[in-house]
Amino acid sequence: MTTTVHDYYQAGWRDQSHPCPACDWKGDSRQMEMELHDEQTEYSCPQCEFPILIVQHPNLEQVKAAADAGNEEAQQQLAILAMAPRG
């Protein structure tokens, strides 16, 4: 079964161990194959390529809310956005 993380700023999803239901491999997101898409990132088993984890990307309102709540990663993302040229 594929797990979907709807709140990108949910604590611990990167470090949580996930078992692969297809081949019994087990590991965290840093050990998985990552495929970036526009609205989400898909993490797959490095052994059999079964999609184990899908992480929804936050929209700007979610980034701002997380930053306002004290999330350091969200604050860094807002700082990067503030430096981007506007056209």
C-alpha atoms as a PDB file:
ATOM      1  CA  MET A   1       0.000   0.000   0.000  1.00  0.00           C
ATOM      2  CA  THR A   2       1.275   3.437  -0.922  1.00  0.00           C
ATOM      3  CA  THR A   3       1.281   6.047   1.852  1.00  0.00           C
ATOM      4  CA  THR A   4       0.341   9.627   0.977  1.00  0.00           C
ATOM      5  CA  VAL A   5       1.601  12.555   3.042  1.00  0.00           C
ATOM      6  CA  HIS A   6      -0.821  15.450   2.555  1.00  0.00           C
ATOM      7  CA  ASP A   7       0.975  17.820   4.959  1.00  0.00           C
ATOM      8  CA  TYR A   8       4.517  18.354   3.691  1.00  0.00           C
ATOM      9  CA  TYR A   9       5.446  19.913   7.045  1.00  0.00           C
ATOM     10  CA  GLN A  10       4.249  16.890   9.038  1.00  0.00           C
ATOM     11  CA  ALA A  11       7.092  16.004  11.371  1.00  0.00           C
ATOM     12  CA  GLY A  12       8.961  12.769  10.838  1.00  0.00           C
ATOM     13  CA  TRP A  13       7.822  11.607   7.404  1.00  0.00           C
ATOM     14  CA  ARG A  14      11.380  11.708   6.031  1.00  0.00           C
ATOM     15  CA  ASP A  15      12.764   9.519   8.819  1.00  0.00           C
ATOM     16  CA  GLN A  16       9.861   7.106   9.239  1.00  0.00           C
ATOM     17  CA  SER A  17      10.622   3.575   8.096  1.00  0.00           C
ATOM     18  CA  HIS A  18       8.300   2.256   5.394  1.00  0.00           C
ATOM     19  CA  PRO A  19       8.059  -1.399   4.356  1.00  0.00           C
ATOM     20  CA  CYS A  20       7.664  -2.278   0.683  1.00  0.00           C
ATOM     21  CA  PRO A  21       4.572  -4.488   0.316  1.00  0.00           C
ATOM     22  CA  ALA A  22       5.894  -5.941  -2.929  1.00  0.00           C
ATOM     23  CA  CYS A  23       9.341  -7.212  -1.906  1.00  0.00           C
ATOM     24  CA  ASP A  24       9.669  -6.711   1.890  1.00  0.00           C
ATOM     25  CA  TRP A  25      12.420  -4.079   1.606  1.00  0.00           C
ATOM     26  CA  LYS A  26      12.231  -1.534   4.434  1.00  0.00           C
ATOM     27  CA  GLY A  27      13.717   1.948   4.771  1.00  0.00           C
ATOM     28  CA  ASP A  28      13.125   5.680   4.993  1.00  0.00           C
ATOM     29  CA  SER A  29      12.567   8.233   2.233  1.00  0.00           C
ATOM     30  CA  ARG A  30      16.274   9.041   1.946  1.00  0.00           C
ATOM     31  CA  GLN A  31      16.950   5.449   0.903  1.00  0.00           C
ATOM     32  CA  MET A  32      14.202   5.381  -1.730  1.00  0.00           C
ATOM     33  CA  GLU A  33      14.263   6.370  -5.381  1.00  0.00           C
ATOM     34  CA  MET A  34      12.749   9.846  -5.741  1.00  0.00           C
ATOM     35  CA  GLU A  35      10.727  11.089  -8.711  1.00  0.00           C
ATOM     36  CA  LEU A  36       9.764  14.756  -8.659  1.00  0.00           C
ATOM     37  CA  HIS A  37       6.466  15.878 -10.214  1.00  0.00           C
ATOM     38  CA  ASP A  38       4.739  19.283 -10.310  1.00  0.00           C
ATOM     39  CA  GLU A  39       2.353  18.658  -7.417  1.00  0.00           C
ATOM     40  CA  GLN A  40       4.001  15.770  -5.578  1.00  0.00           C
ATOM     41  CA  THR A  41       7.131  13.712  -5.106  1.00  0.00           C
ATOM     42  CA  GLU A  42       6.958   9.943  -5.415  1.00  0.00           C
ATOM     43  CA  TYR A  43       9.328   7.724  -3.445  1.00  0.00           C
ATOM     44  CA  SER A  44       9.775   4.158  -4.686  1.00  0.00           C
ATOM     45  CA  CYS A  45      11.408   0.996  -3.437  1.00  0.00           C
ATOM     46  CA  PRO A  46      15.069   0.896  -4.531  1.00  0.00           C
ATOM     47  CA  GLN A  47      14.793  -2.854  -5.122  1.00  0.00           C
ATOM     48  CA  CYS A  48      11.531  -3.310  -7.055  1.00  0.00           C
ATOM     49  CA  GLU A  49      10.421   0.288  -7.824  1.00  0.00           C
ATOM     50  CA  PHE A  50       7.033  -0.121  -6.087  1.00  0.00           C
ATOM     51  CA  PRO A  51       5.705   3.363  -5.133  1.00  0.00           C
ATOM     52  CA  ILE A  52       5.850   3.424  -1.334  1.00  0.00           C
ATOM     53  CA  LEU A  53       5.404   7.089  -0.442  1.00  0.00           C
ATOM     54  CA  ILE A  54       3.778  10.081  -2.144  1.00  0.00           C
ATOM     55  CA  VAL A  55       4.372  13.517  -0.645  1.00  0.00           C
ATOM     56  CA  GLN A  56       2.104  16.360  -1.756  1.00  0.00           C
ATOM     57  CA  HIS A  57       3.941  19.648  -2.361  1.00  0.00           C
ATOM     58  CA  PRO A  58       2.685  22.575  -0.285  1.00  0.00           C
ATOM     59  CA  ASN A  59       1.039  25.577  -1.891  1.00  0.00           C
ATOM     60  CA  LEU A  60       2.084  29.113  -0.937  1.00  0.00           C
ATOM     61  CA  GLU A  61      -0.620  29.438   1.717  1.00  0.00           C
ATOM     62  CA  GLN A  62       0.560  26.217   3.382  1.00  0.00           C
ATOM     63  CA  VAL A  63       4.176  27.414   3.318  1.00  0.00           C
ATOM     64  CA  LYS A  64       3.170  30.730   4.899  1.00  0.00           C
ATOM     65  CA  ALA A  65       1.055  29.001   7.562  1.00  0.00           C
ATOM     66  CA  ALA A  66       3.887  26.629   8.449  1.00  0.00           C
ATOM     67  CA  ALA A  67       6.374  29.514   8.572  1.00  0.00           C
ATOM     68  CA  ASP A  68       4.031  31.504  10.826  1.00  0.00           C
ATOM     69  CA  ALA A  69       3.779  28.432  13.080  1.00  0.00           C
ATOM     70  CA  GLY A  70       7.571  28.424  13.447  1.00  0.00           C
ATOM     71  CA  ASN A  71       8.555  25.738  10.920  1.00  0.00           C
ATOM     72  CA  GLU A  72      12.181  26.485  10.041  1.00  0.00           C
ATOM     73  CA  GLU A  73      12.088  24.771   6.639  1.00  0.00           C
ATOM     74  CA  ALA A  74       9.026  26.800   5.606  1.00  0.00           C
ATOM     75  CA  GLN A  75      10.724  29.989   6.786  1.00  0.00           C
ATOM     76  CA  GLN A  76      13.766  29.147   4.652  1.00  0.00           C
ATOM     77  CA  GLN A  77      11.529  28.438   1.650  1.00  0.00           C
ATOM     78  CA  LEU A  78       9.823  31.826   2.034  1.00  0.00           C
ATOM     79  CA  ALA A  79      13.219  33.528   2.222  1.00  0.00           C
ATOM     80  CA  ILE A  80      14.245  31.833  -1.045  1.00  0.00           C
ATOM     81  CA  LEU A  81      10.981  32.903  -2.686  1.00  0.00           C
ATOM     82  CA  ALA A  82      11.530  36.484  -1.513  1.00  0.00           C
ATOM     83  CA  MET A  83      14.910  36.565  -3.306  1.00  0.00           C
ATOM     84  CA  ALA A  84      13.512  35.297  -6.613  1.00  0.00           C
ATOM     85  CA  PRO A  85      13.222  37.879  -9.368  1.00  0.00           C
ATOM     86  CA  ARG A  86       9.685  38.871 -10.182  1.00  0.00           C
ATOM     87  CA  GLY A  87       8.756  39.357 -13.778  1.00  0.00           C
END
